[in-house]
Amino acid sequence: MKLETFDFPARVGTAGDIEPQVRSTPFGDGYVQSTGDGINSEKESWPLSFVGPWEEIQPIIAFLRSHKGYRSFKWRNPIFELGLYQAGKLTITASGAYFSLSVTFTRAYHP
């Protein structure tokens, strides 16, 4: 399956988390030995929101549902890094003629 690209614009003001994964072992006298946890030792996640009429929100929902939460897709994050991501739980809120969609993208290291 060819990797698809997510290119829908999210709301401005997105704040992401980038967290190194570290294994540490404390020894006597306060000494701690640390190393990266695995070859991909960084977790990255971006909570995103989209607001608009159903005609704008529906294609985003369709794209994310087609990837079923475990298939990766290409996406350029707000700090302009292109990578593979997976989408978690979708939260959809209807407010009259407008809809709000919230989802968190998590960095993936495989398709």
PDB file of N, CA and C in Angstrom:
ATOM      1  N   MET A   1       0.831  -1.180   0.000  1.00  0.00           N
ATOM      2  CA  MET A   1       0.000   0.000   0.000  1.00  0.00           C
ATOM      3  C   MET A   1       0.881   1.251   0.000  1.00  0.00           C
ATOM      4  N   LYS A   2       0.555   2.168  -0.864  1.00  0.00           N
ATOM      5  CA  LYS A   2       1.312   3.417  -0.960  1.00  0.00           C
ATOM      6  C   LYS A   2       0.999   4.314   0.245  1.00  0.00           C
ATOM      7  N   LEU A   3       2.029   4.951   0.762  1.00  0.00           N
ATOM      8  CA  LEU A   3       1.832   5.875   1.880  1.00  0.00           C
ATOM      9  C   LEU A   3       1.126   7.126   1.388  1.00  0.00           C
ATOM     10  N   GLU A   4       0.041   7.480   2.047  1.00  0.00           N
ATOM     11  CA  GLU A   4      -0.687   8.694   1.711  1.00  0.00           C
ATOM     12  C   GLU A   4      -0.148   9.847   2.552  1.00  0.00           C
ATOM     13  N   THR A   5      -0.417  11.057   2.096  1.00  0.00           N
ATOM     14  CA  THR A   5       0.026  12.254   2.808  1.00  0.00           C
ATOM     15  C   THR A   5      -1.178  12.989   3.370  1.00  0.00           C
ATOM     16  N   PHE A   6      -1.130  13.315   4.649  1.00  0.00           N
ATOM     17  CA  PHE A   6      -2.171  14.107   5.297  1.00  0.00           C
ATOM     18  C   PHE A   6      -1.812  15.569   5.081  1.00  0.00           C
ATOM     19  N   ASP A   7      -2.644  16.290   4.330  1.00  0.00           N
ATOM     20  CA  ASP A   7      -2.302  17.689   4.034  1.00  0.00           C
ATOM     21  C   ASP A   7      -3.445  18.659   4.340  1.00  0.00           C
ATOM     22  N   PHE A   8      -4.275  18.303   5.298  1.00  0.00           N
ATOM     23  CA  PHE A   8      -5.345  19.196   5.714  1.00  0.00           C
ATOM     24  C   PHE A   8      -4.796  20.184   6.747  1.00  0.00           C
ATOM     25  N   PRO A   9      -5.176  21.467   6.652  1.00  0.00           N
ATOM     26  CA  PRO A   9      -4.631  22.456   7.600  1.00  0.00           C
ATOM     27  C   PRO A   9      -5.316  22.373   8.970  1.00  0.00           C
ATOM     28  N   ALA A  10      -4.518  22.250  10.014  1.00  0.00           N
ATOM     29  CA  ALA A  10      -5.037  22.229  11.391  1.00  0.00           C
ATOM     30  C   ALA A  10      -5.139  23.658  11.907  1.00  0.00           C
ATOM     31  N   ARG A  11      -5.804  23.827  13.043  1.00  0.00           N
ATOM     32  CA  ARG A  11      -5.913  25.152  13.651  1.00  0.00           C
ATOM     33  C   ARG A  11      -4.545  25.638  14.100  1.00  0.00           C
ATOM     34  N   VAL A  12      -4.370  26.930  14.060  1.00  0.00           N
ATOM     35  CA  VAL A  12      -3.123  27.560  14.490  1.00  0.00           C
ATOM     36  C   VAL A  12      -3.005  27.446  16.010  1.00  0.00           C
ATOM     37  N   GLY A  13      -1.783  27.309  16.498  1.00  0.00           N
ATOM     38  CA  GLY A  13      -1.545  27.269  17.935  1.00  0.00           C
ATOM     39  C   GLY A  13      -1.373  25.869  18.486  1.00  0.00           C
ATOM     40  N   THR A  14      -1.024  24.937  17.625  1.00  0.00           N
ATOM     41  CA  THR A  14      -0.823  23.560  18.060  1.00  0.00           C
ATOM     42  C   THR A  14       0.469  23.437  18.863  1.00  0.00           C
ATOM     43  N   ALA A  15       0.395  22.756  19.998  1.00  0.00           N
ATOM     44  CA  ALA A  15       1.580  22.515  20.833  1.00  0.00           C
ATOM     45  C   ALA A  15       1.835  21.017  20.890  1.00  0.00           C
ATOM     46  N   GLY A  16       3.016  20.601  20.509  1.00  0.00           N
ATOM     47  CA  GLY A  16       3.352  19.181  20.499  1.00  0.00           C
ATOM     48  C   GLY A  16       4.288  18.811  21.632  1.00  0.00           C
ATOM     49  N   ASP A  17       4.409  17.508  21.844  1.00  0.00           N
ATOM     50  CA  ASP A  17       5.329  16.978  22.851  1.00  0.00           C
ATOM     51  C   ASP A  17       6.380  16.124  22.169  1.00  0.00           C
ATOM     52  N   ILE A  18       7.645  16.398  22.460  1.00  0.00           N
ATOM     53  CA  ILE A  18       8.755  15.569  21.998  1.00  0.00           C
ATOM     54  C   ILE A  18       9.516  15.154  23.254  1.00  0.00           C
ATOM     55  N   GLU A  19       9.542  13.847  23.494  1.00  0.00           N
ATOM     56  CA  GLU A  19      10.117  13.344  24.742  1.00  0.00           C
ATOM     57  C   GLU A  19      11.133  12.245  24.461  1.00  0.00           C
ATOM     58  N   PRO A  20      12.380  12.431  24.889  1.00  0.00           N
ATOM     59  CA  PRO A  20      13.364  11.361  24.718  1.00  0.00           C
ATOM     60  C   PRO A  20      13.040  10.188  25.640  1.00  0.00           C
ATOM     61  N   GLN A  21      13.234   8.989  25.125  1.00  0.00           N
ATOM     62  CA  GLN A  21      13.040   7.773  25.914  1.00  0.00           C
ATOM     63  C   GLN A  21      14.406   7.324  26.417  1.00  0.00           C
ATOM     64  N   VAL A  22      14.598   7.352  27.711  1.00  0.00           N
ATOM     65  CA  VAL A  22      15.902   7.093  28.315  1.00  0.00           C
ATOM     66  C   VAL A  22      15.772   5.988  29.356  1.00  0.00           C
ATOM     67  N   ARG A  23      16.741   5.096  29.353  1.00  0.00           N
ATOM     68  CA  ARG A  23      16.858   4.091  30.414  1.00  0.00           C
ATOM     69  C   ARG A  23      17.972   4.536  31.348  1.00  0.00           C
ATOM     70  N   SER A  24      17.686   4.543  32.630  1.00  0.00           N
ATOM     71  CA  SER A  24      18.684   4.972  33.620  1.00  0.00           C
ATOM     72  C   SER A  24      18.803   3.932  34.721  1.00  0.00           C
ATOM     73  N   THR A  25      20.021   3.736  35.157  1.00  0.00           N
ATOM     74  CA  THR A  25      20.297   2.832  36.272  1.00  0.00           C
ATOM     75  C   THR A  25      21.132   3.581  37.303  1.00  0.00           C
ATOM     76  N   PRO A  26      20.581   3.764  38.508  1.00  0.00           N
ATOM     77  CA  PRO A  26      21.345   4.454  39.554  1.00  0.00           C
ATOM     78  C   PRO A  26      22.313   3.493  40.251  1.00  0.00           C
ATOM     79  N   PHE A  27      23.485   3.991  40.522  1.00  0.00           N
ATOM     80  CA  PHE A  27      24.492   3.250  41.277  1.00  0.00           C
ATOM     81  C   PHE A  27      24.765   4.014  42.567  1.00  0.00           C
ATOM     82  N   GLY A  28      25.710   3.570  43.346  1.00  0.00           N
ATOM     83  CA  GLY A  28      26.037   4.244  44.599  1.00  0.00           C
ATOM     84  C   GLY A  28      26.642   5.617  44.373  1.00  0.00           C
ATOM     85  N   ASP A  29      26.687   6.408  45.401  1.00  0.00           N
ATOM     86  CA  ASP A  29      27.295   7.744  45.408  1.00  0.00           C
ATOM     87  C   ASP A  29      26.637   8.711  44.425  1.00  0.00           C
ATOM     88  N   GLY A  30      25.380   8.480  44.059  1.00  0.00           N
ATOM     89  CA  GLY A  30      24.675   9.398  43.180  1.00  0.00           C
ATOM     90  C   GLY A  30      24.950   9.234  41.699  1.00  0.00           C
ATOM     91  N   TYR A  31      25.790   8.270  41.323  1.00  0.00           N
ATOM     92  CA  TYR A  31      26.108   8.049  39.909  1.00  0.00           C
ATOM     93  C   TYR A  31      24.930   7.368  39.217  1.00  0.00           C
ATOM     94  N   VAL A  32      24.561   7.870  38.029  1.00  0.00           N
ATOM     95  CA  VAL A  32      23.485   7.294  37.228  1.00  0.00           C
ATOM     96  C   VAL A  32      24.007   7.065  35.823  1.00  0.00           C
ATOM     97  N   GLN A  33      23.808   5.874  35.305  1.00  0.00           N
ATOM     98  CA  GLN A  33      24.197   5.578  33.926  1.00  0.00           C
ATOM     99  C   GLN A  33      22.930   5.595  33.073  1.00  0.00           C
ATOM    100  N   SER A  34      22.951   6.360  31.966  1.00  0.00           N
ATOM    101  CA  SER A  34      21.776   6.513  31.111  1.00  0.00           C
ATOM    102  C   SER A  34      22.115   6.197  29.669  1.00  0.00           C
ATOM    103  N   THR A  35      21.104   5.713  28.945  1.00  0.00           N
ATOM    104  CA  THR A  35      21.248   5.432  27.517  1.00  0.00           C
ATOM    105  C   THR A  35      19.888   5.587  26.856  1.00  0.00           C
ATOM    106  N   GLY A  36      19.895   5.802  25.550  1.00  0.00           N
ATOM    107  CA  GLY A  36      18.650   5.871  24.805  1.00  0.00           C
ATOM    108  C   GLY A  36      17.944   4.524  24.821  1.00  0.00           C
ATOM    109  N   ASP A  37      16.620   4.544  24.864  1.00  0.00           N
ATOM    110  CA  ASP A  37      15.827   3.317  24.936  1.00  0.00           C
ATOM    111  C   ASP A  37      15.416   2.895  23.529  1.00  0.00           C
ATOM    112  N   GLY A  38      16.244   2.087  22.873  1.00  0.00           N
ATOM    113  CA  GLY A  38      15.936   1.597  21.535  1.00  0.00           C
ATOM    114  C   GLY A  38      16.512   2.477  20.450  1.00  0.00           C
ATOM    115  N   ILE A  39      16.308   2.057  19.205  1.00  0.00           N
ATOM    116  CA  ILE A  39      16.866   2.826  18.091  1.00  0.00           C
ATOM    117  C   ILE A  39      16.036   4.062  17.775  1.00  0.00           C
ATOM    118  N   ASN A  40      14.762   4.044  18.125  1.00  0.00           N
ATOM    119  CA  ASN A  40      13.897   5.211  17.957  1.00  0.00           C
ATOM    120  C   ASN A  40      13.529   5.710  19.348  1.00  0.00           C
ATOM    121  N   SER A  41      14.468   6.372  19.978  1.00  0.00           N
ATOM    122  CA  SER A  41      14.324   6.700  21.396  1.00  0.00           C
ATOM    123  C   SER A  41      13.702   8.074  21.645  1.00  0.00           C
ATOM    124  N   GLU A  42      12.753   8.439  20.804  1.00  0.00           N
ATOM    125  CA  GLU A  42      12.078   9.714  20.996  1.00  0.00           C
ATOM    126  C   GLU A  42      10.592   9.532  20.709  1.00  0.00           C
ATOM    127  N   LYS A  43       9.746   9.946  21.655  1.00  0.00           N
ATOM    128  CA  LYS A  43       8.302   9.936  21.454  1.00  0.00           C
ATOM    129  C   LYS A  43       7.883  11.333  21.022  1.00  0.00           C
ATOM    130  N   GLU A  44       6.951  11.384  20.079  1.00  0.00           N
ATOM    131  CA  GLU A  44       6.476  12.674  19.580  1.00  0.00           C
ATOM    132  C   GLU A  44       4.974  12.582  19.377  1.00  0.00           C
ATOM    133  N   SER A  45       4.238  13.575  19.873  1.00  0.00           N
ATOM    134  CA  SER A  45       2.794  13.602  19.670  1.00  0.00           C
ATOM    135  C   SER A  45       2.319  15.036  19.481  1.00  0.00           C
ATOM    136  N   TRP A  46       1.269  15.170  18.681  1.00  0.00           N
ATOM    137  CA  TRP A  46       0.711  16.476  18.348  1.00  0.00           C
ATOM    138  C   TRP A  46      -0.811  16.421  18.460  1.00  0.00           C
ATOM    139  N   PRO A  47      -1.404  17.042  19.483  1.00  0.00           N
ATOM    140  CA  PRO A  47      -2.863  17.137  19.528  1.00  0.00           C
ATOM    141  C   PRO A  47      -3.316  18.208  18.535  1.00  0.00           C
ATOM    142  N   LEU A  48      -4.216  17.838  17.647  1.00  0.00           N
ATOM    143  CA  LEU A  48      -4.663  18.745  16.593  1.00  0.00           C
ATOM    144  C   LEU A  48      -6.166  18.947  16.676  1.00  0.00           C
ATOM    145  N   SER A  49      -6.628  20.082  16.175  1.00  0.00           N
ATOM    146  CA  SER A  49      -8.066  20.309  16.069  1.00  0.00           C
ATOM    147  C   SER A  49      -8.371  20.968  14.732  1.00  0.00           C
ATOM    148  N   PHE A  50      -9.539  20.649  14.233  1.00  0.00           N
ATOM    149  CA  PHE A  50     -10.025  21.160  12.957  1.00  0.00           C
ATOM    150  C   PHE A  50     -11.451  21.640  13.189  1.00  0.00           C
ATOM    151  N   VAL A  51     -11.786  22.811  12.672  1.00  0.00           N
ATOM    152  CA  VAL A  51     -13.126  23.368  12.833  1.00  0.00           C
ATOM    153  C   VAL A  51     -13.606  23.843  11.478  1.00  0.00           C
ATOM    154  N   GLY A  52     -14.862  23.530  11.171  1.00  0.00           N
ATOM    155  CA  GLY A  52     -15.422  23.983   9.915  1.00  0.00           C
ATOM    156  C   GLY A  52     -16.750  23.322   9.635  1.00  0.00           C
ATOM    157  N   PRO A  53     -17.341  23.653   8.490  1.00  0.00           N
ATOM    158  CA  PRO A  53     -18.586  22.992   8.103  1.00  0.00           C
ATOM    159  C   PRO A  53     -18.322  21.520   7.770  1.00  0.00           C
ATOM    160  N   TRP A  54     -19.377  20.722   7.757  1.00  0.00           N
ATOM    161  CA  TRP A  54     -19.248  19.288   7.519  1.00  0.00           C
ATOM    162  C   TRP A  54     -18.490  18.982   6.231  1.00  0.00           C
ATOM    163  N   GLU A  55     -18.659  19.796   5.208  1.00  0.00           N
ATOM    164  CA  GLU A  55     -17.994  19.572   3.922  1.00  0.00           C
ATOM    165  C   GLU A  55     -16.473  19.633   4.046  1.00  0.00           C
ATOM    166  N   GLU A  56     -15.961  20.360   5.026  1.00  0.00           N
ATOM    167  CA  GLU A  56     -14.514  20.435   5.253  1.00  0.00           C
ATOM    168  C   GLU A  56     -14.025  19.362   6.232  1.00  0.00           C
ATOM    169  N   ILE A  57     -14.844  19.013   7.202  1.00  0.00           N
ATOM    170  CA  ILE A  57     -14.444  18.062   8.237  1.00  0.00           C
ATOM    171  C   ILE A  57     -14.576  16.619   7.758  1.00  0.00           C
ATOM    172  N   GLN A  58     -15.577  16.330   6.949  1.00  0.00           N
ATOM    173  CA  GLN A  58     -15.841  14.954   6.526  1.00  0.00           C
ATOM    174  C   GLN A  58     -14.669  14.312   5.793  1.00  0.00           C
ATOM    175  N   PRO A  59     -13.975  14.993   4.850  1.00  0.00           N
ATOM    176  CA  PRO A  59     -12.820  14.359   4.198  1.00  0.00           C
ATOM    177  C   PRO A  59     -11.671  14.043   5.174  1.00  0.00           C
ATOM    178  N   ILE A  60     -11.510  14.854   6.209  1.00  0.00           N
ATOM    179  CA  ILE A  60     -10.475  14.595   7.217  1.00  0.00           C
ATOM    180  C   ILE A  60     -10.825  13.328   7.992  1.00  0.00           C
ATOM    181  N   ILE A  61     -12.080  13.227   8.406  1.00  0.00           N
ATOM    182  CA  ILE A  61     -12.534  12.034   9.126  1.00  0.00           C
ATOM    183  C   ILE A  61     -12.368  10.797   8.253  1.00  0.00           C
ATOM    184  N   ALA A  62     -12.753  10.897   6.986  1.00  0.00           N
ATOM    185  CA  ALA A  62     -12.638   9.750   6.070  1.00  0.00           C
ATOM    186  C   ALA A  62     -11.183   9.313   5.924  1.00  0.00           C
ATOM    187  N   PHE A  63     -10.271  10.274   5.779  1.00  0.00           N
ATOM    188  CA  PHE A  63      -8.844   9.954   5.656  1.00  0.00           C
ATOM    189  C   PHE A  63      -8.358   9.213   6.901  1.00  0.00           C
ATOM    190  N   LEU A  64      -8.655   9.754   8.071  1.00  0.00           N
ATOM    191  CA  LEU A  64      -8.166   9.162   9.314  1.00  0.00           C
ATOM    192  C   LEU A  64      -8.799   7.797   9.579  1.00  0.00           C
ATOM    193  N   ARG A  65     -10.087   7.653   9.293  1.00  0.00           N
ATOM    194  CA  ARG A  65     -10.743   6.355   9.508  1.00  0.00           C
ATOM    195  C   ARG A  65     -10.212   5.300   8.547  1.00  0.00           C
ATOM    196  N   SER A  66      -9.823   5.715   7.353  1.00  0.00           N
ATOM    197  CA  SER A  66      -9.292   4.744   6.390  1.00  0.00           C
ATOM    198  C   SER A  66      -7.950   4.172   6.853  1.00  0.00           C
ATOM    199  N   HIS A  67      -7.256   4.882   7.748  1.00  0.00           N
ATOM    200  CA  HIS A  67      -5.974   4.403   8.269  1.00  0.00           C
ATOM    201  C   HIS A  67      -6.137   3.597   9.554  1.00  0.00           C
ATOM    202  N   LYS A  68      -7.344   3.541  10.085  1.00  0.00           N
ATOM    203  CA  LYS A  68      -7.746   2.638  11.171  1.00  0.00           C
ATOM    204  C   LYS A  68      -6.902   2.721  12.449  1.00  0.00           C
ATOM    205  N   GLY A  69      -6.179   3.807  12.650  1.00  0.00           N
ATOM    206  CA  GLY A  69      -5.421   3.971  13.883  1.00  0.00           C
ATOM    207  C   GLY A  69      -4.070   3.289  13.918  1.00  0.00           C
ATOM    208  N   TYR A  70      -3.790   2.399  12.959  1.00  0.00           N
ATOM    209  CA  TYR A  70      -2.503   1.686  12.977  1.00  0.00           C
ATOM    210  C   TYR A  70      -1.725   1.829  11.677  1.00  0.00           C
ATOM    211  N   ARG A  71      -2.357   2.292  10.619  1.00  0.00           N
ATOM    212  CA  ARG A  71      -1.618   2.509   9.374  1.00  0.00           C
ATOM    213  C   ARG A  71      -1.006   3.910   9.403  1.00  0.00           C
ATOM    214  N   SER A  72       0.254   3.977   9.081  1.00  0.00           N
ATOM    215  CA  SER A  72       0.964   5.261   9.108  1.00  0.00           C
ATOM    216  C   SER A  72       0.690   6.064   7.846  1.00  0.00           C
ATOM    217  N   PHE A  73       0.844   7.368   7.961  1.00  0.00           N
ATOM    218  CA  PHE A  73       0.725   8.280   6.829  1.00  0.00           C
ATOM    219  C   PHE A  73       1.791   9.356   6.985  1.00  0.00           C
ATOM    220  N   LYS A  74       2.099  10.023   5.881  1.00  0.00           N
ATOM    221  CA  LYS A  74       3.081  11.108   5.926  1.00  0.00           C
ATOM    222  C   LYS A  74       2.373  12.391   6.357  1.00  0.00           C
ATOM    223  N   TRP A  75       3.075  13.172   7.166  1.00  0.00           N
ATOM    224  CA  TRP A  75       2.552  14.457   7.622  1.00  0.00           C
ATOM    225  C   TRP A  75       3.722  15.351   7.986  1.00  0.00           C
ATOM    226  N   ARG A  76       3.591  16.625   7.643  1.00  0.00           N
ATOM    227  CA  ARG A  76       4.605  17.615   8.014  1.00  0.00           C
ATOM    228  C   ARG A  76       4.101  18.326   9.266  1.00  0.00           C
ATOM    229  N   ASN A  77       4.822  18.134  10.374  1.00  0.00           N
ATOM    230  CA  ASN A  77       4.371  18.695  11.651  1.00  0.00           C
ATOM    231  C   ASN A  77       4.562  20.222  11.679  1.00  0.00           C
ATOM    232  N   PRO A  78       4.051  20.897  12.713  1.00  0.00           N
ATOM    233  CA  PRO A  78       4.154  22.357  12.776  1.00  0.00           C
ATOM    234  C   PRO A  78       5.575  22.912  12.824  1.00  0.00           C
ATOM    235  N   ILE A  79       6.581  22.068  13.099  1.00  0.00           N
ATOM    236  CA  ILE A  79       7.965  22.553  13.041  1.00  0.00           C
ATOM    237  C   ILE A  79       8.635  22.083  11.742  1.00  0.00           C
ATOM    238  N   PHE A  80       7.790  21.810  10.749  1.00  0.00           N
ATOM    239  CA  PHE A  80       8.191  21.563   9.358  1.00  0.00           C
ATOM    240  C   PHE A  80       9.007  20.294   9.140  1.00  0.00           C
ATOM    241  N   GLU A  81       8.858  19.294  10.015  1.00  0.00           N
ATOM    242  CA  GLU A  81       9.540  18.017   9.836  1.00  0.00           C
ATOM    243  C   GLU A  81       8.564  17.019   9.223  1.00  0.00           C
ATOM    244  N   LEU A  82       8.950  16.442   8.096  1.00  0.00           N
ATOM    245  CA  LEU A  82       8.125  15.425   7.451  1.00  0.00           C
ATOM    246  C   LEU A  82       8.417  14.082   8.100  1.00  0.00           C
ATOM    247  N   GLY A  83       7.377  13.368   8.481  1.00  0.00           N
ATOM    248  CA  GLY A  83       7.573  12.074   9.122  1.00  0.00           C
ATOM    249  C   GLY A  83       6.358  11.192   8.971  1.00  0.00           C
ATOM    250  N   LEU A  84       6.443  10.007   9.541  1.00  0.00           N
ATOM    251  CA  LEU A  84       5.331   9.066   9.557  1.00  0.00           C
ATOM    252  C   LEU A  84       4.586   9.210  10.876  1.00  0.00           C
ATOM    253  N   TYR A  85       3.264   9.232  10.795  1.00  0.00           N
ATOM    254  CA  TYR A  85       2.433   9.415  11.981  1.00  0.00           C
ATOM    255  C   TYR A  85       1.247   8.473  11.932  1.00  0.00           C
ATOM    256  N   GLN A  86       0.660   8.256  13.103  1.00  0.00           N
ATOM    257  CA  GLN A  86      -0.576   7.506  13.230  1.00  0.00           C
ATOM    258  C   GLN A  86      -1.547   8.351  14.034  1.00  0.00           C
ATOM    259  N   ALA A  87      -2.837   8.193  13.736  1.00  0.00           N
ATOM    260  CA  ALA A  87      -3.868   8.972  14.415  1.00  0.00           C
ATOM    261  C   ALA A  87      -4.576   8.112  15.446  1.00  0.00           C
ATOM    262  N   GLY A  88      -4.811   8.682  16.610  1.00  0.00           N
ATOM    263  CA  GLY A  88      -5.523   7.976  17.670  1.00  0.00           C
ATOM    264  C   GLY A  88      -7.017   8.253  17.615  1.00  0.00           C
ATOM    265  N   LYS A  89      -7.602   8.350  18.770  1.00  0.00           N
ATOM    266  CA  LYS A  89      -9.043   8.545  18.936  1.00  0.00           C
ATOM    267  C   LYS A  89      -9.501   9.858  18.302  1.00  0.00           C
ATOM    268  N   LEU A  90     -10.620   9.810  17.585  1.00  0.00           N
ATOM    269  CA  LEU A  90     -11.232  11.005  17.002  1.00  0.00           C
ATOM    270  C   LEU A  90     -12.356  11.472  17.918  1.00  0.00           C
ATOM    271  N   THR A  91     -12.388  12.762  18.210  1.00  0.00           N
ATOM    272  CA  THR A  91     -13.484  13.342  18.977  1.00  0.00           C
ATOM    273  C   THR A  91     -14.155  14.378  18.092  1.00  0.00           C
ATOM    274  N   ILE A  92     -15.438  14.158  17.805  1.00  0.00           N
ATOM    275  CA  ILE A  92     -16.180  15.032  16.899  1.00  0.00           C
ATOM    276  C   ILE A  92     -17.284  15.713  17.692  1.00  0.00           C
ATOM    277  N   THR A  93     -17.350  17.040  17.578  1.00  0.00           N
ATOM    278  CA  THR A  93     -18.368  17.818  18.269  1.00  0.00           C
ATOM    279  C   THR A  93     -19.142  18.626  17.243  1.00  0.00           C
ATOM    280  N   ALA A  94     -20.471  18.502  17.276  1.00  0.00           N
ATOM    281  CA  ALA A  94     -21.329  19.275  16.377  1.00  0.00           C
ATOM    282  C   ALA A  94     -21.808  20.520  17.109  1.00  0.00           C
ATOM    283  N   SER A  95     -21.648  21.676  16.463  1.00  0.00           N
ATOM    284  CA  SER A  95     -22.109  22.945  17.029  1.00  0.00           C
ATOM    285  C   SER A  95     -22.875  23.688  15.947  1.00  0.00           C
ATOM    286  N   GLY A  96     -24.118  23.317  15.772  1.00  0.00           N
ATOM    287  CA  GLY A  96     -24.909  23.924  14.711  1.00  0.00           C
ATOM    288  C   GLY A  96     -24.395  23.495  13.355  1.00  0.00           C
ATOM    289  N   ALA A  97     -24.071  24.465  12.505  1.00  0.00           N
ATOM    290  CA  ALA A  97     -23.587  24.166  11.154  1.00  0.00           C
ATOM    291  C   ALA A  97     -22.095  23.847  11.126  1.00  0.00           C
ATOM    292  N   TYR A  98     -21.415  24.041  12.248  1.00  0.00           N
ATOM    293  CA  TYR A  98     -19.972  23.796  12.295  1.00  0.00           C
ATOM    294  C   TYR A  98     -19.653  22.581  13.162  1.00  0.00           C
ATOM    295  N   PHE A  99     -18.547  21.949  12.809  1.00  0.00           N
ATOM    296  CA  PHE A  99     -18.102  20.760  13.512  1.00  0.00           C
ATOM    297  C   PHE A  99     -16.667  20.974  13.972  1.00  0.00           C
ATOM    298  N   SER A 100     -16.344  20.349  15.088  1.00  0.00           N
ATOM    299  CA  SER A 100     -14.987  20.382  15.615  1.00  0.00           C
ATOM    300  C   SER A 100     -14.484  18.946  15.679  1.00  0.00           C
ATOM    301  N   LEU A 101     -13.272  18.732  15.199  1.00  0.00           N
ATOM    302  CA  LEU A 101     -12.640  17.420  15.224  1.00  0.00           C
ATOM    303  C   LEU A 101     -11.331  17.541  15.988  1.00  0.00           C
ATOM    304  N   SER A 102     -11.136  16.698  16.985  1.00  0.00           N
ATOM    305  CA  SER A 102      -9.883  16.660  17.746  1.00  0.00           C
ATOM    306  C   SER A 102      -9.265  15.281  17.605  1.00  0.00           C
ATOM    307  N   VAL A 103      -7.954  15.247  17.413  1.00  0.00           N
ATOM    308  CA  VAL A 103      -7.225  13.992  17.246  1.00  0.00           C
ATOM    309  C   VAL A 103      -5.772  14.235  17.641  1.00  0.00           C
ATOM    310  N   THR A 104      -5.086  13.199  18.072  1.00  0.00           N
ATOM    311  CA  THR A 104      -3.662  13.303  18.381  1.00  0.00           C
ATOM    312  C   THR A 104      -2.878  12.444  17.409  1.00  0.00           C
ATOM    313  N   PHE A 105      -1.893  13.062  16.753  1.00  0.00           N
ATOM    314  CA  PHE A 105      -0.987  12.337  15.866  1.00  0.00           C
ATOM    315  C   PHE A 105       0.237  11.923  16.676  1.00  0.00           C
ATOM    316  N   THR A 106       0.619  10.669  16.541  1.00  0.00           N
ATOM    317  CA  THR A 106       1.783  10.129  17.234  1.00  0.00           C
ATOM    318  C   THR A 106       2.801   9.667  16.212  1.00  0.00           C
ATOM    319  N   ARG A 107       4.067  10.013  16.428  1.00  0.00           N
ATOM    320  CA  ARG A 107       5.142   9.638  15.511  1.00  0.00           C
ATOM    321  C   ARG A 107       5.239   8.124  15.402  1.00  0.00           C
ATOM    322  N   ALA A 108       5.355   7.641  14.177  1.00  0.00           N
ATOM    323  CA  ALA A 108       5.548   6.217  13.904  1.00  0.00           C
ATOM    324  C   ALA A 108       6.879   6.061  13.183  1.00  0.00           C
ATOM    325  N   TYR A 109       7.485   4.922  13.320  1.00  0.00           N
ATOM    326  CA  TYR A 109       8.780   4.706  12.681  1.00  0.00           C
ATOM    327  C   TYR A 109       8.722   3.600  11.648  1.00  0.00           C
ATOM    328  N   HIS A 110       7.511   3.254  11.244  1.00  0.00           N
ATOM    329  CA  HIS A 110       7.318   2.226  10.218  1.00  0.00           C
ATOM    330  C   HIS A 110       5.980   2.482   9.535  1.00  0.00           C
ATOM    331  N   PRO A 111       5.820   2.029   8.292  1.00  0.00           N
ATOM    332  CA  PRO A 111       4.541   2.221   7.590  1.00  0.00           C
ATOM    333  C   PRO A 111       3.454   1.376   8.205  1.00  0.00           C
TER     334      PRO A 111
END
